[in-house]
PDB file of N, CA and C in Angstrom:
ATOM      1  N   MET A   1      -1.389 -31.197  12.122  1.00  0.00           N
ATOM      2  CA  MET A   1      -2.415 -30.177  12.084  1.00  0.00           C
ATOM      3  C   MET A   1      -1.844 -28.914  11.435  1.00  0.00           C
ATOM      4  N   THR A   2      -2.585 -28.336  10.539  1.00  0.00           N
ATOM      5  CA  THR A   2      -2.153 -27.122   9.862  1.00  0.00           C
ATOM      6  C   THR A   2      -2.704 -25.903  10.583  1.00  0.00           C
ATOM      7  N   VAL A   3      -1.826 -24.940  10.832  1.00  0.00           N
ATOM      8  CA  VAL A   3      -2.215 -23.666  11.420  1.00  0.00           C
ATOM      9  C   VAL A   3      -2.121 -22.616  10.325  1.00  0.00           C
ATOM     10  N   ALA A   4      -3.170 -21.828  10.179  1.00  0.00           N
ATOM     11  CA  ALA A   4      -3.169 -20.745   9.199  1.00  0.00           C
ATOM     12  C   ALA A   4      -3.066 -19.424   9.940  1.00  0.00           C
ATOM     13  N   LYS A   5      -2.140 -18.580   9.508  1.00  0.00           N
ATOM     14  CA  LYS A   5      -1.919 -17.285  10.137  1.00  0.00           C
ATOM     15  C   LYS A   5      -2.016 -16.179   9.092  1.00  0.00           C
ATOM     16  N   VAL A   6      -2.587 -15.056   9.509  1.00  0.00           N
ATOM     17  CA  VAL A   6      -2.645 -13.858   8.681  1.00  0.00           C
ATOM     18  C   VAL A   6      -2.043 -12.726   9.494  1.00  0.00           C
ATOM     19  N   ILE A   7      -1.116 -12.010   8.891  1.00  0.00           N
ATOM     20  CA  ILE A   7      -0.448 -10.884   9.549  1.00  0.00           C
ATOM     21  C   ILE A   7      -0.605  -9.663   8.663  1.00  0.00           C
ATOM     22  N   ARG A   8      -1.066  -8.580   9.257  1.00  0.00           N
ATOM     23  CA  ARG A   8      -1.266  -7.340   8.497  1.00  0.00           C
ATOM     24  C   ARG A   8      -0.615  -6.193   9.241  1.00  0.00           C
ATOM     25  N   TYR A   9       0.004  -5.286   8.468  1.00  0.00           N
ATOM     26  CA  TYR A   9       0.628  -4.097   9.055  1.00  0.00           C
ATOM     27  C   TYR A   9       0.776  -3.029   7.990  1.00  0.00           C
ATOM     28  N   ARG A  10       1.048  -1.829   8.459  1.00  0.00           N
ATOM     29  CA  ARG A  10       1.268  -0.683   7.568  1.00  0.00           C
ATOM     30  C   ARG A  10       2.623  -0.080   7.922  1.00  0.00           C
ATOM     31  N   VAL A  11       3.435   0.164   6.896  1.00  0.00           N
ATOM     32  CA  VAL A  11       4.767   0.728   7.128  1.00  0.00           C
ATOM     33  C   VAL A  11       4.760   2.243   6.985  1.00  0.00           C
ATOM     34  N   LYS A  12       5.792   2.844   7.513  1.00  0.00           N
ATOM     35  CA  LYS A  12       5.948   4.301   7.434  1.00  0.00           C
ATOM     36  C   LYS A  12       6.190   4.720   5.985  1.00  0.00           C
ATOM     37  N   PRO A  13       5.745   5.937   5.630  1.00  0.00           N
ATOM     38  CA  PRO A  13       6.004   6.434   4.275  1.00  0.00           C
ATOM     39  C   PRO A  13       7.504   6.375   3.958  1.00  0.00           C
ATOM     40  N   GLY A  14       7.804   5.940   2.765  1.00  0.00           N
ATOM     41  CA  GLY A  14       9.189   5.862   2.325  1.00  0.00           C
ATOM     42  C   GLY A  14       9.876   4.550   2.676  1.00  0.00           C
ATOM     43  N   LEU A  15       9.231   3.670   3.442  1.00  0.00           N
ATOM     44  CA  LEU A  15       9.874   2.413   3.842  1.00  0.00           C
ATOM     45  C   LEU A  15       9.243   1.179   3.204  1.00  0.00           C
ATOM     46  N   ALA A  16       8.227   1.373   2.379  1.00  0.00           N
ATOM     47  CA  ALA A  16       7.547   0.230   1.765  1.00  0.00           C
ATOM     48  C   ALA A  16       8.467  -0.533   0.817  1.00  0.00           C
ATOM     49  N   ASP A  17       9.261   0.163   0.027  1.00  0.00           N
ATOM     50  CA  ASP A  17      10.161  -0.527  -0.901  1.00  0.00           C
ATOM     51  C   ASP A  17      11.232  -1.318  -0.149  1.00  0.00           C
ATOM     52  N   GLU A  18      11.745  -0.776   0.943  1.00  0.00           N
ATOM     53  CA  GLU A  18      12.726  -1.497   1.765  1.00  0.00           C
ATOM     54  C   GLU A  18      12.071  -2.730   2.384  1.00  0.00           C
ATOM     55  N   ASN A  19      10.854  -2.582   2.876  1.00  0.00           N
ATOM     56  CA  ASN A  19      10.138  -3.716   3.443  1.00  0.00           C
ATOM     57  C   ASN A  19       9.944  -4.801   2.384  1.00  0.00           C
ATOM     58  N   GLU A  20       9.562  -4.384   1.189  1.00  0.00           N
ATOM     59  CA  GLU A  20       9.375  -5.343   0.097  1.00  0.00           C
ATOM     60  C   GLU A  20      10.691  -6.035  -0.267  1.00  0.00           C
ATOM     61  N   ARG A  21      11.786  -5.295  -0.253  1.00  0.00           N
ATOM     62  CA  ARG A  21      13.094  -5.903  -0.546  1.00  0.00           C
ATOM     63  C   ARG A  21      13.419  -6.991   0.473  1.00  0.00           C
ATOM     64  N   LEU A  22      13.166  -6.710   1.735  1.00  0.00           N
ATOM     65  CA  LEU A  22      13.421  -7.698   2.783  1.00  0.00           C
ATOM     66  C   LEU A  22      12.531  -8.932   2.608  1.00  0.00           C
ATOM     67  N   ILE A  23      11.299  -8.721   2.182  1.00  0.00           N
ATOM     68  CA  ILE A  23      10.396  -9.836   1.911  1.00  0.00           C
ATOM     69  C   ILE A  23      10.923 -10.672   0.750  1.00  0.00           C
ATOM     70  N   HIS A  24      11.394 -10.014  -0.303  1.00  0.00           N
ATOM     71  CA  HIS A  24      11.974 -10.752  -1.439  1.00  0.00           C
ATOM     72  C   HIS A  24      13.156 -11.598  -0.983  1.00  0.00           C
ATOM     73  N   ASP A  25      13.949 -11.082  -0.053  1.00  0.00           N
ATOM     74  CA  ASP A  25      15.073 -11.860   0.482  1.00  0.00           C
ATOM     75  C   ASP A  25      14.584 -13.137   1.165  1.00  0.00           C
ATOM     76  N   VAL A  26      13.478 -13.036   1.892  1.00  0.00           N
ATOM     77  CA  VAL A  26      12.910 -14.218   2.559  1.00  0.00           C
ATOM     78  C   VAL A  26      12.504 -15.248   1.513  1.00  0.00           C
ATOM     79  N   PHE A  27      11.790 -14.805   0.482  1.00  0.00           N
ATOM     80  CA  PHE A  27      11.328 -15.749  -0.535  1.00  0.00           C
ATOM     81  C   PHE A  27      12.495 -16.334  -1.342  1.00  0.00           C
ATOM     82  N   ALA A  28      13.540 -15.566  -1.544  1.00  0.00           N
ATOM     83  CA  ALA A  28      14.720 -16.101  -2.235  1.00  0.00           C
ATOM     84  C   ALA A  28      15.364 -17.206  -1.399  1.00  0.00           C
ATOM     85  N   GLU A  29      15.459 -16.987  -0.100  1.00  0.00           N
ATOM     86  CA  GLU A  29      16.029 -18.017   0.778  1.00  0.00           C
ATOM     87  C   GLU A  29      15.132 -19.250   0.812  1.00  0.00           C
ATOM     88  N   LEU A  30      13.823 -19.051   0.895  1.00  0.00           N
ATOM     89  CA  LEU A  30      12.905 -20.189   0.907  1.00  0.00           C
ATOM     90  C   LEU A  30      13.011 -20.998  -0.386  1.00  0.00           C
ATOM     91  N   ALA A  31      13.210 -20.329  -1.507  1.00  0.00           N
ATOM     92  CA  ALA A  31      13.347 -21.023  -2.788  1.00  0.00           C
ATOM     93  C   ALA A  31      14.567 -21.933  -2.802  1.00  0.00           C
ATOM     94  N   VAL A  32      15.614 -21.521  -2.110  1.00  0.00           N
ATOM     95  CA  VAL A  32      16.838 -22.333  -2.039  1.00  0.00           C
ATOM     96  C   VAL A  32      16.698 -23.440  -0.997  1.00  0.00           C
ATOM     97  N   GLU A  33      16.221 -23.078   0.184  1.00  0.00           N
ATOM     98  CA  GLU A  33      16.159 -24.021   1.299  1.00  0.00           C
ATOM     99  C   GLU A  33      14.994 -25.016   1.187  1.00  0.00           C
ATOM    100  N   LYS A  34      13.895 -24.600   0.574  1.00  0.00           N
ATOM    101  CA  LYS A  34      12.710 -25.435   0.373  1.00  0.00           C
ATOM    102  C   LYS A  34      12.241 -26.128   1.661  1.00  0.00           C
ATOM    103  N   PRO A  35      11.957 -25.369   2.701  1.00  0.00           N
ATOM    104  CA  PRO A  35      11.523 -26.013   3.949  1.00  0.00           C
ATOM    105  C   PRO A  35      10.168 -26.696   3.786  1.00  0.00           C
ATOM    106  N   GLU A  36      10.046 -27.855   4.392  1.00  0.00           N
ATOM    107  CA  GLU A  36       8.779 -28.589   4.387  1.00  0.00           C
ATOM    108  C   GLU A  36       7.833 -27.952   5.394  1.00  0.00           C
ATOM    109  N   GLY A  37       6.557 -28.177   5.200  1.00  0.00           N
ATOM    110  CA  GLY A  37       5.562 -27.755   6.168  1.00  0.00           C
ATOM    111  C   GLY A  37       5.219 -26.287   6.143  1.00  0.00           C
ATOM    112  N   LEU A  38       5.465 -25.615   5.022  1.00  0.00           N
ATOM    113  CA  LEU A  38       5.175 -24.186   4.934  1.00  0.00           C
ATOM    114  C   LEU A  38       4.618 -23.839   3.564  1.00  0.00           C
ATOM    115  N   ARG A  39       3.523 -23.116   3.577  1.00  0.00           N
ATOM    116  CA  ARG A  39       2.999 -22.429   2.389  1.00  0.00           C
ATOM    117  C   ARG A  39       2.878 -20.978   2.812  1.00  0.00           C
ATOM    118  N   TYR A  40       3.372 -20.073   1.981  1.00  0.00           N
ATOM    119  CA  TYR A  40       3.529 -18.695   2.446  1.00  0.00           C
ATOM    120  C   TYR A  40       3.373 -17.745   1.270  1.00  0.00           C
ATOM    121  N   ALA A  41       2.629 -16.678   1.487  1.00  0.00           N
ATOM    122  CA  ALA A  41       2.459 -15.646   0.464  1.00  0.00           C
ATOM    123  C   ALA A  41       2.411 -14.296   1.151  1.00  0.00           C
ATOM    124  N   THR A  42       2.903 -13.288   0.461  1.00  0.00           N
ATOM    125  CA  THR A  42       2.846 -11.918   0.972  1.00  0.00           C
ATOM    126  C   THR A  42       2.273 -11.031  -0.125  1.00  0.00           C
ATOM    127  N   PHE A  43       1.419 -10.103   0.284  1.00  0.00           N
ATOM    128  CA  PHE A  43       0.770  -9.184  -0.639  1.00  0.00           C
ATOM    129  C   PHE A  43       1.043  -7.751  -0.197  1.00  0.00           C
ATOM    130  N   ARG A  44       1.295  -6.873  -1.161  1.00  0.00           N
ATOM    131  CA  ARG A  44       1.365  -5.436  -0.908  1.00  0.00           C
ATOM    132  C   ARG A  44       0.020  -4.864  -1.318  1.00  0.00           C
ATOM    133  N   LEU A  45      -0.646  -4.182  -0.395  1.00  0.00           N
ATOM    134  CA  LEU A  45      -2.008  -3.727  -0.639  1.00  0.00           C
ATOM    135  C   LEU A  45      -2.039  -2.457  -1.479  1.00  0.00           C
ATOM    136  N   ALA A  46      -3.217  -2.111  -1.969  1.00  0.00           N
ATOM    137  CA  ALA A  46      -3.389  -1.015  -2.919  1.00  0.00           C
ATOM    138  C   ALA A  46      -2.968   0.335  -2.369  1.00  0.00           C
ATOM    139  N   ASP A  47      -2.979   0.502  -1.057  1.00  0.00           N
ATOM    140  CA  ASP A  47      -2.546   1.789  -0.499  1.00  0.00           C
ATOM    141  C   ASP A  47      -1.029   1.965  -0.589  1.00  0.00           C
ATOM    142  N   ASP A  48      -0.327   0.906  -1.017  1.00  0.00           N
ATOM    143  CA  ASP A  48       1.113   0.905  -1.282  1.00  0.00           C
ATOM    144  C   ASP A  48       1.975   0.894  -0.023  1.00  0.00           C
ATOM    145  N   VAL A  49       1.379   0.940   1.160  1.00  0.00           N
ATOM    146  CA  VAL A  49       2.171   0.907   2.398  1.00  0.00           C
ATOM    147  C   VAL A  49       1.708  -0.182   3.361  1.00  0.00           C
ATOM    148  N   SER A  50       0.655  -0.925   2.998  1.00  0.00           N
ATOM    149  CA  SER A  50       0.167  -2.013   3.844  1.00  0.00           C
ATOM    150  C   SER A  50       0.560  -3.347   3.226  1.00  0.00           C
ATOM    151  N   PHE A  51       0.840  -4.304   4.097  1.00  0.00           N
ATOM    152  CA  PHE A  51       1.247  -5.636   3.675  1.00  0.00           C
ATOM    153  C   PHE A  51       0.400  -6.672   4.388  1.00  0.00           C
ATOM    154  N   LEU A  52       0.167  -7.787   3.703  1.00  0.00           N
ATOM    155  CA  LEU A  52      -0.592  -8.893   4.250  1.00  0.00           C
ATOM    156  C   LEU A  52       0.201 -10.167   3.990  1.00  0.00           C
ATOM    157  N   HIS A  53       0.508 -10.886   5.056  1.00  0.00           N
ATOM    158  CA  HIS A  53       1.212 -12.163   4.962  1.00  0.00           C
ATOM    159  C   HIS A  53       0.227 -13.268   5.311  1.00  0.00           C
ATOM    160  N   VAL A  54       0.238 -14.348   4.538  1.00  0.00           N
ATOM    161  CA  VAL A  54      -0.591 -15.512   4.807  1.00  0.00           C
ATOM    162  C   VAL A  54       0.342 -16.715   4.857  1.00  0.00           C
ATOM    163  N   ALA A  55       0.313 -17.421   5.993  1.00  0.00           N
ATOM    164  CA  ALA A  55       1.182 -18.587   6.161  1.00  0.00           C
ATOM    165  C   ALA A  55       0.359 -19.777   6.614  1.00  0.00           C
ATOM    166  N   LEU A  56       0.606 -20.908   5.983  1.00  0.00           N
ATOM    167  CA  LEU A  56       0.046 -22.180   6.408  1.00  0.00           C
ATOM    168  C   LEU A  56       1.212 -23.004   6.931  1.00  0.00           C
ATOM    169  N   ILE A  57       1.129 -23.376   8.184  1.00  0.00           N
ATOM    170  CA  ILE A  57       2.237 -24.051   8.854  1.00  0.00           C
ATOM    171  C   ILE A  57       1.768 -25.434   9.276  1.00  0.00           C
ATOM    172  N   GLU A  58       2.463 -26.447   8.802  1.00  0.00           N
ATOM    173  CA  GLU A  58       2.155 -27.831   9.153  1.00  0.00           C
ATOM    174  C   GLU A  58       3.232 -28.321  10.100  1.00  0.00           C
ATOM    175  N   GLY A  59       2.844 -28.736  11.272  1.00  0.00           N
ATOM    176  CA  GLY A  59       3.812 -29.237  12.232  1.00  0.00           C
ATOM    177  C   GLY A  59       3.949 -28.310  13.421  1.00  0.00           C
ATOM    178  N   GLU A  60       4.822 -28.700  14.316  1.00  0.00           N
ATOM    179  CA  GLU A  60       5.004 -27.993  15.575  1.00  0.00           C
ATOM    180  C   GLU A  60       5.853 -26.730  15.450  1.00  0.00           C
ATOM    181  N   VAL A  61       6.765 -26.704  14.490  1.00  0.00           N
ATOM    182  CA  VAL A  61       7.726 -25.608  14.366  1.00  0.00           C
ATOM    183  C   VAL A  61       7.452 -24.818  13.097  1.00  0.00           C
ATOM    184  N   ASN A  62       7.406 -23.500  13.215  1.00  0.00           N
ATOM    185  CA  ASN A  62       7.248 -22.623  12.058  1.00  0.00           C
ATOM    186  C   ASN A  62       8.602 -22.539  11.343  1.00  0.00           C
ATOM    187  N   PRO A  63       8.700 -23.063  10.113  1.00  0.00           N
ATOM    188  CA  PRO A  63       9.976 -23.024   9.390  1.00  0.00           C
ATOM    189  C   PRO A  63      10.532 -21.617   9.193  1.00  0.00           C
ATOM    190  N   LEU A  64       9.681 -20.606   9.214  1.00  0.00           N
ATOM    191  CA  LEU A  64      10.173 -19.233   9.047  1.00  0.00           C
ATOM    192  C   LEU A  64      11.102 -18.834  10.195  1.00  0.00           C
ATOM    193  N   PHE A  65      10.883 -19.394  11.374  1.00  0.00           N
ATOM    194  CA  PHE A  65      11.713 -19.039  12.517  1.00  0.00           C
ATOM    195  C   PHE A  65      13.139 -19.558  12.381  1.00  0.00           C
ATOM    196  N   GLU A  66      13.369 -20.464  11.430  1.00  0.00           N
ATOM    197  CA  GLU A  66      14.708 -20.985  11.172  1.00  0.00           C
ATOM    198  C   GLU A  66      15.396 -20.262  10.012  1.00  0.00           C
ATOM    199  N   SER A  67      14.729 -19.284   9.436  1.00  0.00           N
ATOM    200  CA  SER A  67      15.226 -18.560   8.268  1.00  0.00           C
ATOM    201  C   SER A  67      16.016 -17.321   8.694  1.00  0.00           C
ATOM    202  N   ALA A  68      17.254 -17.224   8.234  1.00  0.00           N
ATOM    203  CA  ALA A  68      18.078 -16.039   8.526  1.00  0.00           C
ATOM    204  C   ALA A  68      17.475 -14.788   7.896  1.00  0.00           C
ATOM    205  N   ALA A  69      16.960 -14.918   6.675  1.00  0.00           N
ATOM    206  CA  ALA A  69      16.371 -13.758   5.995  1.00  0.00           C
ATOM    207  C   ALA A  69      15.107 -13.294   6.711  1.00  0.00           C
ATOM    208  N   PHE A  70      14.309 -14.230   7.222  1.00  0.00           N
ATOM    209  CA  PHE A  70      13.115 -13.851   7.972  1.00  0.00           C
ATOM    210  C   PHE A  70      13.520 -13.174   9.283  1.00  0.00           C
ATOM    211  N   GLY A  71      14.580 -13.658   9.896  1.00  0.00           N
ATOM    212  CA  GLY A  71      15.089 -13.006  11.101  1.00  0.00           C
ATOM    213  C   GLY A  71      15.523 -11.581  10.824  1.00  0.00           C
ATOM    214  N   ALA A  72      16.185 -11.364   9.692  1.00  0.00           N
ATOM    215  CA  ALA A  72      16.594 -10.005   9.303  1.00  0.00           C
ATOM    216  C   ALA A  72      15.372  -9.139   9.023  1.00  0.00           C
ATOM    217  N   PHE A  73      14.366  -9.712   8.374  1.00  0.00           N
ATOM    218  CA  PHE A  73      13.120  -8.986   8.103  1.00  0.00           C
ATOM    219  C   PHE A  73      12.463  -8.544   9.408  1.00  0.00           C
ATOM    220  N   GLN A  74      12.406  -9.444  10.378  1.00  0.00           N
ATOM    221  CA  GLN A  74      11.730  -9.151  11.639  1.00  0.00           C
ATOM    222  C   GLN A  74      12.543  -8.264  12.578  1.00  0.00           C
ATOM    223  N   SER A  75      13.854  -8.258  12.414  1.00  0.00           N
ATOM    224  CA  SER A  75      14.717  -7.614  13.407  1.00  0.00           C
ATOM    225  C   SER A  75      14.417  -6.136  13.626  1.00  0.00           C
ATOM    226  N   GLN A  76      14.003  -5.432  12.617  1.00  0.00           N
ATOM    227  CA  GLN A  76      13.727  -4.006  12.771  1.00  0.00           C
ATOM    228  C   GLN A  76      12.328  -3.643  12.284  1.00  0.00           C
ATOM    229  N   ILE A  77      11.421  -4.613  12.364  1.00  0.00           N
ATOM    230  CA  ILE A  77      10.055  -4.354  11.900  1.00  0.00           C
ATOM    231  C   ILE A  77       9.426  -3.208  12.688  1.00  0.00           C
ATOM    232  N   GLY A  78       9.739  -3.100  13.960  1.00  0.00           N
ATOM    233  CA  GLY A  78       9.185  -2.033  14.782  1.00  0.00           C
ATOM    234  C   GLY A  78       9.574  -0.648  14.313  1.00  0.00           C
ATOM    235  N   ASP A  79      10.734  -0.533  13.668  1.00  0.00           N
ATOM    236  CA  ASP A  79      11.189   0.752  13.133  1.00  0.00           C
ATOM    237  C   ASP A  79      10.499   1.105  11.815  1.00  0.00           C
ATOM    238  N   ARG A  80       9.945   0.087  11.133  1.00  0.00           N
ATOM    239  CA  ARG A  80       9.335   0.318   9.823  1.00  0.00           C
ATOM    240  C   ARG A  80       7.833   0.529   9.867  1.00  0.00           C
ATOM    241  N   VAL A  81       7.171   0.036  10.896  1.00  0.00           N
ATOM    242  CA  VAL A  81       5.713   0.041  10.874  1.00  0.00           C
ATOM    243  C   VAL A  81       5.100   1.264  11.542  1.00  0.00           C
ATOM    244  N   ILE A  82       3.931   1.649  11.038  1.00  0.00           N
ATOM    245  CA  ILE A  82       3.093   2.675  11.666  1.00  0.00           C
ATOM    246  C   ILE A  82       2.116   1.980  12.606  1.00  0.00           C
ATOM    247  N   ASP A  83       1.483   0.918  12.107  1.00  0.00           N
ATOM    248  CA  ASP A  83       0.601   0.137  12.957  1.00  0.00           C
ATOM    249  C   ASP A  83       0.750  -1.337  12.615  1.00  0.00           C
ATOM    250  N   GLY A  84       0.525  -2.152  13.641  1.00  0.00           N
ATOM    251  CA  GLY A  84       0.729  -3.585  13.509  1.00  0.00           C
ATOM    252  C   GLY A  84       2.146  -3.938  13.913  1.00  0.00           C
ATOM    253  N   PRO A  85       2.575  -5.087  13.612  1.00  0.00           N
ATOM    254  CA  PRO A  85       1.822  -6.108  12.891  1.00  0.00           C
ATOM    255  C   PRO A  85       0.754  -6.756  13.770  1.00  0.00           C
ATOM    256  N   ASP A  86      -0.398  -6.978  13.160  1.00  0.00           N
ATOM    257  CA  ASP A  86      -1.496  -7.685  13.801  1.00  0.00           C
ATOM    258  C   ASP A  86      -1.509  -9.101  13.249  1.00  0.00           C
ATOM    259  N   SER A  87      -1.319 -10.058  14.138  1.00  0.00           N
ATOM    260  CA  SER A  87      -1.265 -11.459  13.745  1.00  0.00           C
ATOM    261  C   SER A  87      -2.474 -12.185  14.309  1.00  0.00           C
ATOM    262  N   MET A  88      -3.069 -13.031  13.484  1.00  0.00           N
ATOM    263  CA  MET A  88      -4.207 -13.813  13.962  1.00  0.00           C
ATOM    264  C   MET A  88      -4.219 -15.172  13.295  1.00  0.00           C
ATOM    265  N   ASP A  89      -4.653 -16.164  14.046  1.00  0.00           N
ATOM    266  CA  ASP A  89      -4.906 -17.477  13.470  1.00  0.00           C
ATOM    267  C   ASP A  89      -6.245 -17.400  12.759  1.00  0.00           C
ATOM    268  N   VAL A  90      -6.353 -18.064  11.622  1.00  0.00           N
ATOM    269  CA  VAL A  90      -7.584 -18.057  10.846  1.00  0.00           C
ATOM    270  C   VAL A  90      -7.959 -19.483  10.467  1.00  0.00           C
ATOM    271  N   THR A  91      -9.217 -19.675  10.114  1.00  0.00           N
ATOM    272  CA  THR A  91      -9.723 -20.967   9.670  1.00  0.00           C
ATOM    273  C   THR A  91     -10.203 -20.824   8.239  1.00  0.00           C
ATOM    274  N   LEU A  92      -9.717 -21.681   7.373  1.00  0.00           N
ATOM    275  CA  LEU A  92     -10.123 -21.664   5.976  1.00  0.00           C
ATOM    276  C   LEU A  92     -11.582 -22.091   5.862  1.00  0.00           C
ATOM    277  N   VAL A  93     -12.371 -21.264   5.227  1.00  0.00           N
ATOM    278  CA  VAL A  93     -13.784 -21.557   4.989  1.00  0.00           C
ATOM    279  C   VAL A  93     -13.963 -22.132   3.599  1.00  0.00           C
ATOM    280  N   GLY A  94     -13.199 -21.647   2.660  1.00  0.00           N
ATOM    281  CA  GLY A  94     -13.263 -22.142   1.295  1.00  0.00           C
ATOM    282  C   GLY A  94     -12.182 -21.493   0.464  1.00  0.00           C
ATOM    283  N   SER A  95     -11.839 -22.118  -0.642  1.00  0.00           N
ATOM    284  CA  SER A  95     -10.863 -21.529  -1.559  1.00  0.00           C
ATOM    285  C   SER A  95     -11.096 -22.091  -2.951  1.00  0.00           C
ATOM    286  N   TYR A  96     -10.641 -21.359  -3.917  1.00  0.00           N
ATOM    287  CA  TYR A  96     -10.679 -21.825  -5.297  1.00  0.00           C
ATOM    288  C   TYR A  96      -9.263 -21.706  -5.849  1.00  0.00           C
ATOM    289  N   ARG A  97      -8.579 -22.821  -5.994  1.00  0.00           N
ATOM    290  CA  ARG A  97      -7.226 -22.891  -6.543  1.00  0.00           C
ATOM    291  C   ARG A  97      -6.236 -22.014  -5.785  1.00  0.00           C
ATOM    292  N   PHE A  98      -6.553 -21.591  -4.584  1.00  0.00           N
ATOM    293  CA  PHE A  98      -5.665 -20.708  -3.829  1.00  0.00           C
ATOM    294  C   PHE A  98      -4.506 -21.451  -3.204  1.00  0.00           C
ATOM    295  N   LEU A  99      -4.737 -22.658  -2.765  1.00  0.00           N
ATOM    296  CA  LEU A  99      -3.730 -23.392  -2.014  1.00  0.00           C
ATOM    297  C   LEU A  99      -3.090 -24.514  -2.817  1.00  0.00           C
ATOM    298  N   THR A 100      -3.230 -24.511  -4.126  1.00  0.00           N
ATOM    299  CA  THR A 100      -2.629 -25.552  -4.946  1.00  0.00           C
ATOM    300  C   THR A 100      -1.198 -25.187  -5.282  1.00  0.00           C
ATOM    301  N   SER A 101      -0.402 -26.205  -5.532  1.00  0.00           N
ATOM    302  CA  SER A 101       1.010 -25.980  -5.860  1.00  0.00           C
ATOM    303  C   SER A 101       1.180 -25.481  -7.266  1.00  0.00           C
TER     304      SER A 101
END
């Protein structure tokens, strides 16, 4: 069964670039490790300080929880955010070429 999650938060002024750097580290590690059962994207919103993560997780274990870079990203998230992170499970209603490889 696939679980879809959306996480949104806003970082403190001056910390958006650091947050983005940490996100790039996660994606660099994922590119090397290539964990199965994960589709993942992160967006920086137009206000330049809000971020949106979308993860599709297949299986019982979220592969991100096994990632050292994701652990580093999460370790001080509370120090970087103004509000959030707000996490919610979502149900796909429709997509156009969004989830293709």
